[in-house]
Amino acid sequence: YTKLFNMLNELEDKYLISEIIKNPSFLEGKLFKNAFEQ
């Protein structure tokens, strides 16, 4: 989540966040990333 919010703060186009975050190793993060992608 620290990496996620740091990347989000640096992004000009916030909707691109799902394209640059790495696949998390835990289920909650995977669900979160999947929701972003959808």
ModelCIF file with pLDDT and N, C-alpha, C, O atoms, coordinates in Angstrom:
data_MODEL
#
_entry.id   MODEL 
#
_entity.id                         1 
_entity.type                       polymer 
_entity.pdbx_number_of_molecules   1 
#
_entity_poly.entity_id                      1 
_entity_poly.type                           'polypeptide(L)' 
_entity_poly.nstd_linkage                   no 
_entity_poly.nstd_monomer                   no 
_entity_poly.pdbx_seq_one_letter_code       YTKLFNMLNELEDKYLISEIIKNPSFLEGKLFKNAFEQ 
_entity_poly.pdbx_seq_one_letter_code_can   YTKLFNMLNELEDKYLISEIIKNPSFLEGKLFKNAFEQ 
_entity_poly.pdbx_strand_id                 A 
#
loop_
_entity_poly_seq.entity_id 
_entity_poly_seq.num 
_entity_poly_seq.mon_id 
_entity_poly_seq.hetero 
1 1  TYR n 
1 2  THR n 
1 3  LYS n 
1 4  LEU n 
1 5  PHE n 
1 6  ASN n 
1 7  MET n 
1 8  LEU n 
1 9  ASN n 
1 10 GLU n 
1 11 LEU n 
1 12 GLU n 
1 13 ASP n 
1 14 LYS n 
1 15 TYR n 
1 16 LEU n 
1 17 ILE n 
1 18 SER n 
1 19 GLU n 
1 20 ILE n 
1 21 ILE n 
1 22 LYS n 
1 23 ASN n 
1 24 PRO n 
1 25 SER n 
1 26 PHE n 
1 27 LEU n 
1 28 GLU n 
1 29 GLY n 
1 30 LYS n 
1 31 LEU n 
1 32 PHE n 
1 33 LYS n 
1 34 ASN n 
1 35 ALA n 
1 36 PHE n 
1 37 GLU n 
1 38 GLN n 
#
_struct_asym.id          A 
_struct_asym.entity_id   1 
#
loop_
_ma_qa_metric.id 
_ma_qa_metric.mode 
_ma_qa_metric.name 
_ma_qa_metric.software_group_id 
_ma_qa_metric.type 
1 global pLDDT . pLDDT 
2 local  pLDDT . pLDDT 
#
_ma_qa_metric_global.metric_id      1 
_ma_qa_metric_global.metric_value   88.18 
_ma_qa_metric_global.model_id       1 
_ma_qa_metric_global.ordinal_id     1 
#
loop_
_ma_qa_metric_local.label_asym_id 
_ma_qa_metric_local.label_comp_id 
_ma_qa_metric_local.label_seq_id 
_ma_qa_metric_local.metric_id 
_ma_qa_metric_local.metric_value 
_ma_qa_metric_local.model_id 
_ma_qa_metric_local.ordinal_id 
A TYR 1  2 91.00 1 1  
A THR 2  2 93.00 1 2  
A LYS 3  2 91.00 1 3  
A LEU 4  2 90.00 1 4  
A PHE 5  2 91.00 1 5  
A ASN 6  2 92.00 1 6  
A MET 7  2 90.00 1 7  
A LEU 8  2 89.00 1 8  
A ASN 9  2 91.00 1 9  
A GLU 10 2 91.00 1 10 
A LEU 11 2 87.00 1 11 
A GLU 12 2 87.00 1 12 
A ASP 13 2 82.00 1 13 
A LYS 14 2 81.00 1 14 
A TYR 15 2 77.00 1 15 
A LEU 16 2 80.00 1 16 
A ILE 17 2 83.00 1 17 
A SER 18 2 82.00 1 18 
A GLU 19 2 83.00 1 19 
A ILE 20 2 86.00 1 20 
A ILE 21 2 86.00 1 21 
A LYS 22 2 87.00 1 22 
A ASN 23 2 89.00 1 23 
A PRO 24 2 91.00 1 24 
A SER 25 2 90.00 1 25 
A PHE 26 2 92.00 1 26 
A LEU 27 2 92.00 1 27 
A GLU 28 2 91.00 1 28 
A GLY 29 2 90.00 1 29 
A LYS 30 2 91.00 1 30 
A LEU 31 2 92.00 1 31 
A PHE 32 2 88.00 1 32 
A LYS 33 2 89.00 1 33 
A ASN 34 2 91.00 1 34 
A ALA 35 2 90.00 1 35 
A PHE 36 2 87.00 1 36 
A GLU 37 2 88.00 1 37 
A GLN 38 2 90.00 1 38 
#
loop_
_atom_site.group_PDB 
_atom_site.id 
_atom_site.type_symbol 
_atom_site.label_atom_id 
_atom_site.label_alt_id 
_atom_site.label_comp_id 
_atom_site.label_asym_id 
_atom_site.label_entity_id 
_atom_site.label_seq_id 
_atom_site.pdbx_PDB_ins_code 
_atom_site.Cartn_x 
_atom_site.Cartn_y 
_atom_site.Cartn_z 
_atom_site.occupancy 
_atom_site.B_iso_or_equiv 
_atom_site.pdbx_formal_charge 
_atom_site.auth_seq_id 
_atom_site.auth_comp_id 
_atom_site.auth_asym_id 
_atom_site.auth_atom_id 
_atom_site.pdbx_PDB_model_num 
ATOM 1   N N  . TYR A 1 1  ? 0.813   -1.217  0.000   1.00 91.00 ? 1  TYR A N  1 
ATOM 2   C CA . TYR A 1 1  ? 0.000   0.000   0.000   1.00 91.00 ? 1  TYR A CA 1 
ATOM 3   C C  . TYR A 1 1  ? 0.848   1.269   0.000   1.00 91.00 ? 1  TYR A C  1 
ATOM 4   O O  . TYR A 1 1  ? 0.439   2.282   -0.569  1.00 91.00 ? 1  TYR A O  1 
ATOM 5   N N  . THR A 1 2  ? 2.022   1.230   0.629   1.00 93.00 ? 2  THR A N  1 
ATOM 6   C CA . THR A 1 2  ? 2.911   2.388   0.586   1.00 93.00 ? 2  THR A CA 1 
ATOM 7   C C  . THR A 1 2  ? 3.374   2.643   -0.841  1.00 93.00 ? 2  THR A C  1 
ATOM 8   O O  . THR A 1 2  ? 3.352   3.780   -1.312  1.00 93.00 ? 2  THR A O  1 
ATOM 9   N N  . LYS A 1 3  ? 3.799   1.573   -1.536  1.00 91.00 ? 3  LYS A N  1 
ATOM 10  C CA . LYS A 1 3  ? 4.211   1.700   -2.938  1.00 91.00 ? 3  LYS A CA 1 
ATOM 11  C C  . LYS A 1 3  ? 3.047   2.176   -3.796  1.00 91.00 ? 3  LYS A C  1 
ATOM 12  O O  . LYS A 1 3  ? 3.218   3.034   -4.663  1.00 91.00 ? 3  LYS A O  1 
ATOM 13  N N  . LEU A 1 4  ? 1.865   1.620   -3.555  1.00 90.00 ? 4  LEU A N  1 
ATOM 14  C CA . LEU A 1 4  ? 0.680   1.990   -4.324  1.00 90.00 ? 4  LEU A CA 1 
ATOM 15  C C  . LEU A 1 4  ? 0.387   3.482   -4.203  1.00 90.00 ? 4  LEU A C  1 
ATOM 16  O O  . LEU A 1 4  ? 0.187   4.158   -5.212  1.00 90.00 ? 4  LEU A O  1 
ATOM 17  N N  . PHE A 1 5  ? 0.360   3.999   -2.972  1.00 91.00 ? 5  PHE A N  1 
ATOM 18  C CA . PHE A 1 5  ? 0.025   5.409   -2.779  1.00 91.00 ? 5  PHE A CA 1 
ATOM 19  C C  . PHE A 1 5  ? 1.145   6.335   -3.243  1.00 91.00 ? 5  PHE A C  1 
ATOM 20  O O  . PHE A 1 5  ? 0.880   7.450   -3.692  1.00 91.00 ? 5  PHE A O  1 
ATOM 21  N N  . ASN A 1 6  ? 2.391   5.884   -3.137  1.00 92.00 ? 6  ASN A N  1 
ATOM 22  C CA . ASN A 1 6  ? 3.503   6.681   -3.676  1.00 92.00 ? 6  ASN A CA 1 
ATOM 23  C C  . ASN A 1 6  ? 3.394   6.796   -5.191  1.00 92.00 ? 6  ASN A C  1 
ATOM 24  O O  . ASN A 1 6  ? 3.563   7.880   -5.750  1.00 92.00 ? 6  ASN A O  1 
ATOM 25  N N  . MET A 1 7  ? 3.108   5.668   -5.861  1.00 90.00 ? 7  MET A N  1 
ATOM 26  C CA . MET A 1 7  ? 2.933   5.697   -7.320  1.00 90.00 ? 7  MET A CA 1 
ATOM 27  C C  . MET A 1 7  ? 1.732   6.556   -7.704  1.00 90.00 ? 7  MET A C  1 
ATOM 28  O O  . MET A 1 7  ? 1.781   7.309   -8.676  1.00 90.00 ? 7  MET A O  1 
ATOM 29  N N  . LEU A 1 8  ? 0.671   6.437   -6.941  1.00 89.00 ? 8  LEU A N  1 
ATOM 30  C CA . LEU A 1 8  ? -0.536  7.201   -7.216  1.00 89.00 ? 8  LEU A CA 1 
ATOM 31  C C  . LEU A 1 8  ? -0.282  8.696   -7.096  1.00 89.00 ? 8  LEU A C  1 
ATOM 32  O O  . LEU A 1 8  ? -0.784  9.482   -7.900  1.00 89.00 ? 8  LEU A O  1 
ATOM 33  N N  . ASN A 1 9  ? 0.492   9.087   -6.098  1.00 91.00 ? 9  ASN A N  1 
ATOM 34  C CA . ASN A 1 9  ? 0.822   10.505  -5.928  1.00 91.00 ? 9  ASN A CA 1 
ATOM 35  C C  . ASN A 1 9  ? 1.693   11.038  -7.054  1.00 91.00 ? 9  ASN A C  1 
ATOM 36  O O  . ASN A 1 9  ? 1.611   12.216  -7.402  1.00 91.00 ? 9  ASN A O  1 
ATOM 37  N N  . GLU A 1 10 ? 2.535   10.167  -7.629  1.00 91.00 ? 10 GLU A N  1 
ATOM 38  C CA . GLU A 1 10 ? 3.420   10.592  -8.712  1.00 91.00 ? 10 GLU A CA 1 
ATOM 39  C C  . GLU A 1 10 ? 2.722   10.608  -10.075 1.00 91.00 ? 10 GLU A C  1 
ATOM 40  O O  . GLU A 1 10 ? 3.176   11.278  -11.002 1.00 91.00 ? 10 GLU A O  1 
ATOM 41  N N  . LEU A 1 11 ? 1.628   9.875   -10.188 1.00 87.00 ? 11 LEU A N  1 
ATOM 42  C CA . LEU A 1 11 ? 0.942   9.777   -11.476 1.00 87.00 ? 11 LEU A CA 1 
ATOM 43  C C  . LEU A 1 11 ? 0.118   11.021  -11.775 1.00 87.00 ? 11 LEU A C  1 
ATOM 44  O O  . LEU A 1 11 ? -0.596  11.533  -10.913 1.00 87.00 ? 11 LEU A O  1 
ATOM 45  N N  . GLU A 1 12 ? 0.226   11.489  -12.989 1.00 87.00 ? 12 GLU A N  1 
ATOM 46  C CA . GLU A 1 12 ? -0.615  12.592  -13.420 1.00 87.00 ? 12 GLU A CA 1 
ATOM 47  C C  . GLU A 1 12 ? -2.003  12.060  -13.782 1.00 87.00 ? 12 GLU A C  1 
ATOM 48  O O  . GLU A 1 12 ? -3.021  12.659  -13.434 1.00 87.00 ? 12 GLU A O  1 
ATOM 49  N N  . ASP A 1 13 ? -2.023  10.923  -14.488 1.00 82.00 ? 13 ASP A N  1 
ATOM 50  C CA . ASP A 1 13 ? -3.285  10.276  -14.867 1.00 82.00 ? 13 ASP A CA 1 
ATOM 51  C C  . ASP A 1 13 ? -3.529  9.116   -13.913 1.00 82.00 ? 13 ASP A C  1 
ATOM 52  O O  . ASP A 1 13 ? -3.036  8.009   -14.134 1.00 82.00 ? 13 ASP A O  1 
ATOM 53  N N  . LYS A 1 14 ? -4.282  9.366   -12.862 1.00 81.00 ? 14 LYS A N  1 
ATOM 54  C CA . LYS A 1 14 ? -4.473  8.399   -11.777 1.00 81.00 ? 14 LYS A CA 1 
ATOM 55  C C  . LYS A 1 14 ? -5.112  7.095   -12.252 1.00 81.00 ? 14 LYS A C  1 
ATOM 56  O O  . LYS A 1 14 ? -4.887  6.045   -11.650 1.00 81.00 ? 14 LYS A O  1 
ATOM 57  N N  . TYR A 1 15 ? -5.888  7.147   -13.304 1.00 77.00 ? 15 TYR A N  1 
ATOM 58  C CA . TYR A 1 15 ? -6.568  5.943   -13.774 1.00 77.00 ? 15 TYR A CA 1 
ATOM 59  C C  . TYR A 1 15 ? -5.602  4.904   -14.340 1.00 77.00 ? 15 TYR A C  1 
ATOM 60  O O  . TYR A 1 15 ? -6.012  3.776   -14.617 1.00 77.00 ? 15 TYR A O  1 
ATOM 61  N N  . LEU A 1 16 ? -4.347  5.255   -14.514 1.00 80.00 ? 16 LEU A N  1 
ATOM 62  C CA . LEU A 1 16 ? -3.351  4.313   -15.030 1.00 80.00 ? 16 LEU A CA 1 
ATOM 63  C C  . LEU A 1 16 ? -2.714  3.457   -13.931 1.00 80.00 ? 16 LEU A C  1 
ATOM 64  O O  . LEU A 1 16 ? -1.836  2.642   -14.217 1.00 80.00 ? 16 LEU A O  1 
ATOM 65  N N  . ILE A 1 17 ? -3.140  3.631   -12.698 1.00 83.00 ? 17 ILE A N  1 
ATOM 66  C CA . ILE A 1 17 ? -2.501  2.938   -11.575 1.00 83.00 ? 17 ILE A CA 1 
ATOM 67  C C  . ILE A 1 17 ? -2.537  1.421   -11.733 1.00 83.00 ? 17 ILE A C  1 
ATOM 68  O O  . ILE A 1 17 ? -1.579  0.745   -11.356 1.00 83.00 ? 17 ILE A O  1 
ATOM 69  N N  . SER A 1 18 ? -3.616  0.873   -12.281 1.00 82.00 ? 18 SER A N  1 
ATOM 70  C CA . SER A 1 18 ? -3.696  -0.587  -12.407 1.00 82.00 ? 18 SER A CA 1 
ATOM 71  C C  . SER A 1 18 ? -2.683  -1.133  -13.404 1.00 82.00 ? 18 SER A C  1 
ATOM 72  O O  . SER A 1 18 ? -2.341  -2.315  -13.368 1.00 82.00 ? 18 SER A O  1 
ATOM 73  N N  . GLU A 1 19 ? -2.207  -0.272  -14.287 1.00 83.00 ? 19 GLU A N  1 
ATOM 74  C CA . GLU A 1 19 ? -1.227  -0.712  -15.284 1.00 83.00 ? 19 GLU A CA 1 
ATOM 75  C C  . GLU A 1 19 ? 0.185   -0.792  -14.718 1.00 83.00 ? 19 GLU A C  1 
ATOM 76  O O  . GLU A 1 19 ? 1.018   -1.530  -15.244 1.00 83.00 ? 19 GLU A O  1 
ATOM 77  N N  . ILE A 1 20 ? 0.465   -0.043  -13.656 1.00 86.00 ? 20 ILE A N  1 
ATOM 78  C CA . ILE A 1 20 ? 1.849   0.005   -13.176 1.00 86.00 ? 20 ILE A CA 1 
ATOM 79  C C  . ILE A 1 20 ? 2.081   -0.696  -11.841 1.00 86.00 ? 20 ILE A C  1 
ATOM 80  O O  . ILE A 1 20 ? 3.229   -0.949  -11.476 1.00 86.00 ? 20 ILE A O  1 
ATOM 81  N N  . ILE A 1 21 ? 1.017   -1.017  -11.105 1.00 86.00 ? 21 ILE A N  1 
ATOM 82  C CA . ILE A 1 21 ? 1.267   -1.718  -9.839  1.00 86.00 ? 21 ILE A CA 1 
ATOM 83  C C  . ILE A 1 21 ? 1.580   -3.183  -10.124 1.00 86.00 ? 21 ILE A C  1 
ATOM 84  O O  . ILE A 1 21 ? 1.004   -3.802  -11.019 1.00 86.00 ? 21 ILE A O  1 
ATOM 85  N N  . LYS A 1 22 ? 2.505   -3.715  -9.341  1.00 87.00 ? 22 LYS A N  1 
ATOM 86  C CA . LYS A 1 22 ? 2.902   -5.110  -9.483  1.00 87.00 ? 22 LYS A CA 1 
ATOM 87  C C  . LYS A 1 22 ? 1.842   -6.001  -8.846  1.00 87.00 ? 22 LYS A C  1 
ATOM 88  O O  . LYS A 1 22 ? 1.074   -5.567  -7.987  1.00 87.00 ? 22 LYS A O  1 
ATOM 89  N N  . ASN A 1 23 ? 1.819   -7.255  -9.285  1.00 89.00 ? 23 ASN A N  1 
ATOM 90  C CA . ASN A 1 23 ? 0.873   -8.203  -8.703  1.00 89.00 ? 23 ASN A CA 1 
ATOM 91  C C  . ASN A 1 23 ? 1.244   -8.465  -7.250  1.00 89.00 ? 23 ASN A C  1 
ATOM 92  O O  . ASN A 1 23 ? 2.356   -8.909  -6.964  1.00 89.00 ? 23 ASN A O  1 
ATOM 93  N N  . PRO A 1 24 ? 0.327   -8.195  -6.337  1.00 91.00 ? 24 PRO A N  1 
ATOM 94  C CA . PRO A 1 24 ? 0.611   -8.424  -4.923  1.00 91.00 ? 24 PRO A CA 1 
ATOM 95  C C  . PRO A 1 24 ? 0.646   -9.923  -4.603  1.00 91.00 ? 24 PRO A C  1 
ATOM 96  O O  . PRO A 1 24 ? 0.132   -10.746 -5.361  1.00 91.00 ? 24 PRO A O  1 
ATOM 97  N N  . SER A 1 25 ? 1.252   -10.253 -3.485  1.00 90.00 ? 25 SER A N  1 
ATOM 98  C CA . SER A 1 25 ? 1.385   -11.654 -3.095  1.00 90.00 ? 25 SER A CA 1 
ATOM 99  C C  . SER A 1 25 ? 0.267   -12.112 -2.160  1.00 90.00 ? 25 SER A C  1 
ATOM 100 O O  . SER A 1 25 ? 0.219   -13.286 -1.793  1.00 90.00 ? 25 SER A O  1 
ATOM 101 N N  . PHE A 1 26 ? -0.626  -11.216 -1.771  1.00 92.00 ? 26 PHE A N  1 
ATOM 102 C CA . PHE A 1 26 ? -1.687  -11.570 -0.838  1.00 92.00 ? 26 PHE A CA 1 
ATOM 103 C C  . PHE A 1 26 ? -3.054  -11.374 -1.499  1.00 92.00 ? 26 PHE A C  1 
ATOM 104 O O  . PHE A 1 26 ? -3.218  -10.538 -2.388  1.00 92.00 ? 26 PHE A O  1 
ATOM 105 N N  . LEU A 1 27 ? -4.024  -12.161 -1.046  1.00 92.00 ? 27 LEU A N  1 
ATOM 106 C CA . LEU A 1 27 ? -5.338  -12.221 -1.688  1.00 92.00 ? 27 LEU A CA 1 
ATOM 107 C C  . LEU A 1 27 ? -6.035  -10.868 -1.755  1.00 92.00 ? 27 LEU A C  1 
ATOM 108 O O  . LEU A 1 27 ? -6.570  -10.500 -2.800  1.00 92.00 ? 27 LEU A O  1 
ATOM 109 N N  . GLU A 1 28 ? -6.034  -10.130 -0.662  1.00 91.00 ? 28 GLU A N  1 
ATOM 110 C CA . GLU A 1 28 ? -6.704  -8.827  -0.622  1.00 91.00 ? 28 GLU A CA 1 
ATOM 111 C C  . GLU A 1 28 ? -6.142  -7.883  -1.687  1.00 91.00 ? 28 GLU A C  1 
ATOM 112 O O  . GLU A 1 28 ? -6.892  -7.167  -2.351  1.00 91.00 ? 28 GLU A O  1 
ATOM 113 N N  . GLY A 1 29 ? -4.823  -7.889  -1.843  1.00 90.00 ? 29 GLY A N  1 
ATOM 114 C CA . GLY A 1 29 ? -4.178  -7.052  -2.853  1.00 90.00 ? 29 GLY A CA 1 
ATOM 115 C C  . GLY A 1 29 ? -4.530  -7.497  -4.260  1.00 90.00 ? 29 GLY A C  1 
ATOM 116 O O  . GLY A 1 29 ? -4.736  -6.666  -5.144  1.00 90.00 ? 29 GLY A O  1 
ATOM 117 N N  . LYS A 1 30 ? -4.599  -8.818  -4.474  1.00 91.00 ? 30 LYS A N  1 
ATOM 118 C CA . LYS A 1 30 ? -4.973  -9.338  -5.787  1.00 91.00 ? 30 LYS A CA 1 
ATOM 119 C C  . LYS A 1 30 ? -6.403  -8.928  -6.142  1.00 91.00 ? 30 LYS A C  1 
ATOM 120 O O  . LYS A 1 30 ? -6.684  -8.541  -7.277  1.00 91.00 ? 30 LYS A O  1 
ATOM 121 N N  . LEU A 1 31 ? -7.298  -9.016  -5.163  1.00 92.00 ? 31 LEU A N  1 
ATOM 122 C CA . LEU A 1 31 ? -8.681  -8.598  -5.387  1.00 92.00 ? 31 LEU A CA 1 
ATOM 123 C C  . LEU A 1 31 ? -8.753  -7.098  -5.685  1.00 92.00 ? 31 LEU A C  1 
ATOM 124 O O  . LEU A 1 31 ? -9.508  -6.656  -6.551  1.00 92.00 ? 31 LEU A O  1 
ATOM 125 N N  . PHE A 1 32 ? -7.957  -6.336  -4.952  1.00 88.00 ? 32 PHE A N  1 
ATOM 126 C CA . PHE A 1 32 ? -7.898  -4.887  -5.136  1.00 88.00 ? 32 PHE A CA 1 
ATOM 127 C C  . PHE A 1 32 ? -7.431  -4.539  -6.549  1.00 88.00 ? 32 PHE A C  1 
ATOM 128 O O  . PHE A 1 32 ? -8.035  -3.704  -7.222  1.00 88.00 ? 32 PHE A O  1 
ATOM 129 N N  . LYS A 1 33 ? -6.348  -5.188  -6.991  1.00 89.00 ? 33 LYS A N  1 
ATOM 130 C CA . LYS A 1 33 ? -5.813  -4.941  -8.331  1.00 89.00 ? 33 LYS A CA 1 
ATOM 131 C C  . LYS A 1 33 ? -6.814  -5.364  -9.396  1.00 89.00 ? 33 LYS A C  1 
ATOM 132 O O  . LYS A 1 33 ? -6.992  -4.669  -10.397 1.00 89.00 ? 33 LYS A O  1 
ATOM 133 N N  . ASN A 1 34 ? -7.468  -6.505  -9.184  1.00 91.00 ? 34 ASN A N  1 
ATOM 134 C CA . ASN A 1 34 ? -8.478  -6.978  -10.126 1.00 91.00 ? 34 ASN A CA 1 
ATOM 135 C C  . ASN A 1 34 ? -9.629  -5.981  -10.228 1.00 91.00 ? 34 ASN A C  1 
ATOM 136 O O  . ASN A 1 34 ? -10.132 -5.730  -11.323 1.00 91.00 ? 34 ASN A O  1 
ATOM 137 N N  . ALA A 1 35 ? -10.043 -5.420  -9.118  1.00 90.00 ? 35 ALA A N  1 
ATOM 138 C CA . ALA A 1 35 ? -11.114 -4.418  -9.128  1.00 90.00 ? 35 ALA A CA 1 
ATOM 139 C C  . ALA A 1 35 ? -10.678 -3.186  -9.919  1.00 90.00 ? 35 ALA A C  1 
ATOM 140 O O  . ALA A 1 35 ? -11.451 -2.651  -10.713 1.00 90.00 ? 35 ALA A O  1 
ATOM 141 N N  . PHE A 1 36 ? -9.434  -2.734  -9.700  1.00 87.00 ? 36 PHE A N  1 
ATOM 142 C CA . PHE A 1 36 ? -8.901  -1.603  -10.478 1.00 87.00 ? 36 PHE A CA 1 
ATOM 143 C C  . PHE A 1 36 ? -8.952  -1.894  -11.972 1.00 87.00 ? 36 PHE A C  1 
ATOM 144 O O  . PHE A 1 36 ? -9.367  -1.048  -12.765 1.00 87.00 ? 36 PHE A O  1 
ATOM 145 N N  . GLU A 1 37 ? -8.527  -3.098  -12.348 1.00 88.00 ? 37 GLU A N  1 
ATOM 146 C CA . GLU A 1 37 ? -8.493  -3.461  -13.768 1.00 88.00 ? 37 GLU A CA 1 
ATOM 147 C C  . GLU A 1 37 ? -9.899  -3.475  -14.365 1.00 88.00 ? 37 GLU A C  1 
ATOM 148 O O  . GLU A 1 37 ? -10.104 -3.027  -15.493 1.00 88.00 ? 37 GLU A O  1 
ATOM 149 N N  . GLN A 1 38 ? -10.864 -3.990  -13.607 1.00 90.00 ? 38 GLN A N  1 
ATOM 150 C CA . GLN A 1 38 ? -12.249 -4.009  -14.100 1.00 90.00 ? 38 GLN A CA 1 
ATOM 151 C C  . GLN A 1 38 ? -12.818 -2.599  -14.233 1.00 90.00 ? 38 GLN A C  1 
ATOM 152 O O  . GLN A 1 38 ? -13.970 -2.433  -14.634 1.00 90.00 ? 38 GLN A O  1 
#
